């Protein structure tokens, strides 16, 4: 998945194999429009395998991000 393949993304709901979350995060954030949202599922119930991605998202200066305790947990980036 190349970030150049995706542009002008206003909203993305990410629910994929945990091994590809990091690549998906980079591709989506690189193409996110101002005011766009990325919502990634399973941020709480799969926290251990997703921890590197969660930490990366929460520290990424390109977005504001938080983890919401809704359902299985949502990582919300905007």
Protein backbone atom coordinates (compact mmCIF):
# COMPACT_ATOMS: atom_id res chain seq x y z
CA UNK A 1 0.00 0.00 0.00
CA UNK A 2 1.63 3.19 -1.15
CA UNK A 3 0.61 6.55 0.35
CA UNK A 4 0.69 8.06 -3.15
CA UNK A 5 -2.23 5.83 -4.15
CA UNK A 6 -4.61 7.57 -1.76
CA UNK A 7 -5.40 11.25 -1.61
CA UNK A 8 -8.22 13.52 -0.57
CA UNK A 9 -9.47 11.16 2.13
CA UNK A 10 -12.20 12.73 4.26
CA UNK A 11 -13.11 9.68 6.35
CA UNK A 12 -11.66 6.22 6.82
CA UNK A 13 -12.87 3.45 9.12
CA UNK A 14 -10.02 0.99 9.57
CA UNK A 15 -10.84 -2.57 10.60
CA UNK A 16 -8.26 -4.88 9.07
CA UNK A 17 -5.72 -7.53 9.99
CA UNK A 18 -3.65 -6.08 12.81
CA UNK A 19 -0.40 -6.64 10.88
CA UNK A 20 -1.37 -4.02 8.29
CA UNK A 21 -2.60 -1.27 10.63
CA UNK A 22 0.74 0.59 10.56
CA UNK A 23 0.86 0.65 6.75
CA UNK A 24 -2.81 1.64 6.55
CA UNK A 25 -2.30 4.40 9.12
CA UNK A 26 0.55 5.91 7.09
CA UNK A 27 -1.33 5.66 3.79
CA UNK A 28 -4.49 7.23 5.17
CA UNK A 29 -2.86 10.00 7.21
CA UNK A 30 -0.69 10.99 4.24
CA UNK A 31 -3.83 11.49 2.15
CA UNK A 32 -6.13 12.91 4.82
CA UNK A 33 -7.70 16.26 3.96
CA UNK A 34 -7.80 19.05 6.52
CA UNK A 35 -10.65 18.17 8.86
CA UNK A 36 -10.63 14.52 7.75
CA UNK A 37 -11.01 11.61 10.17
CA UNK A 38 -9.44 8.20 10.61
CA UNK A 39 -11.23 5.85 12.99
CA UNK A 40 -9.46 2.57 13.69
CA UNK A 41 -11.31 -0.27 15.41
CA UNK A 42 -10.09 -2.63 18.14
CA UNK A 43 -7.81 -0.13 19.91
CA UNK A 44 -8.66 -1.61 23.31
CA UNK A 45 -9.41 -5.29 22.77
CA UNK A 46 -6.32 -5.73 20.56
CA UNK A 47 -4.21 -3.15 22.35
CA UNK A 48 -1.12 -5.32 22.76
CA UNK A 49 -0.49 -6.08 19.06
CA UNK A 50 -1.58 -2.55 18.08
CA UNK A 51 0.46 -0.72 20.74
CA UNK A 52 3.20 0.49 18.34
CA UNK A 53 0.57 1.94 15.98
CA UNK A 54 -1.40 3.48 18.83
CA UNK A 55 1.69 5.16 20.27
CA UNK A 56 2.72 6.36 16.81
CA UNK A 57 -0.73 7.86 16.17
CA UNK A 58 -0.95 9.55 19.56
CA UNK A 59 2.47 11.17 19.04
CA UNK A 60 2.02 12.06 15.35
CA UNK A 61 2.15 15.85 14.90
CA UNK A 62 0.06 15.64 11.71
CA UNK A 63 -3.09 14.73 13.64
CA UNK A 64 -4.84 15.06 16.94
CA UNK A 65 -5.66 11.61 18.25
CA UNK A 66 -7.31 9.84 21.15
CA UNK A 67 -8.56 6.40 22.09
CA UNK A 68 -12.27 6.24 22.83
CA UNK A 69 -13.71 3.41 24.97
CA UNK A 70 -16.60 2.70 22.61
CA UNK A 71 -17.27 -0.92 21.75
CA UNK A 72 -13.90 -2.62 21.33
CA UNK A 73 -12.12 0.74 21.45
CA UNK A 74 -11.63 3.26 18.68
CA UNK A 75 -8.50 5.19 17.78
CA UNK A 76 -9.78 8.49 16.44
CA UNK A 77 -7.46 10.79 14.46
CA UNK A 78 -8.43 14.11 12.90
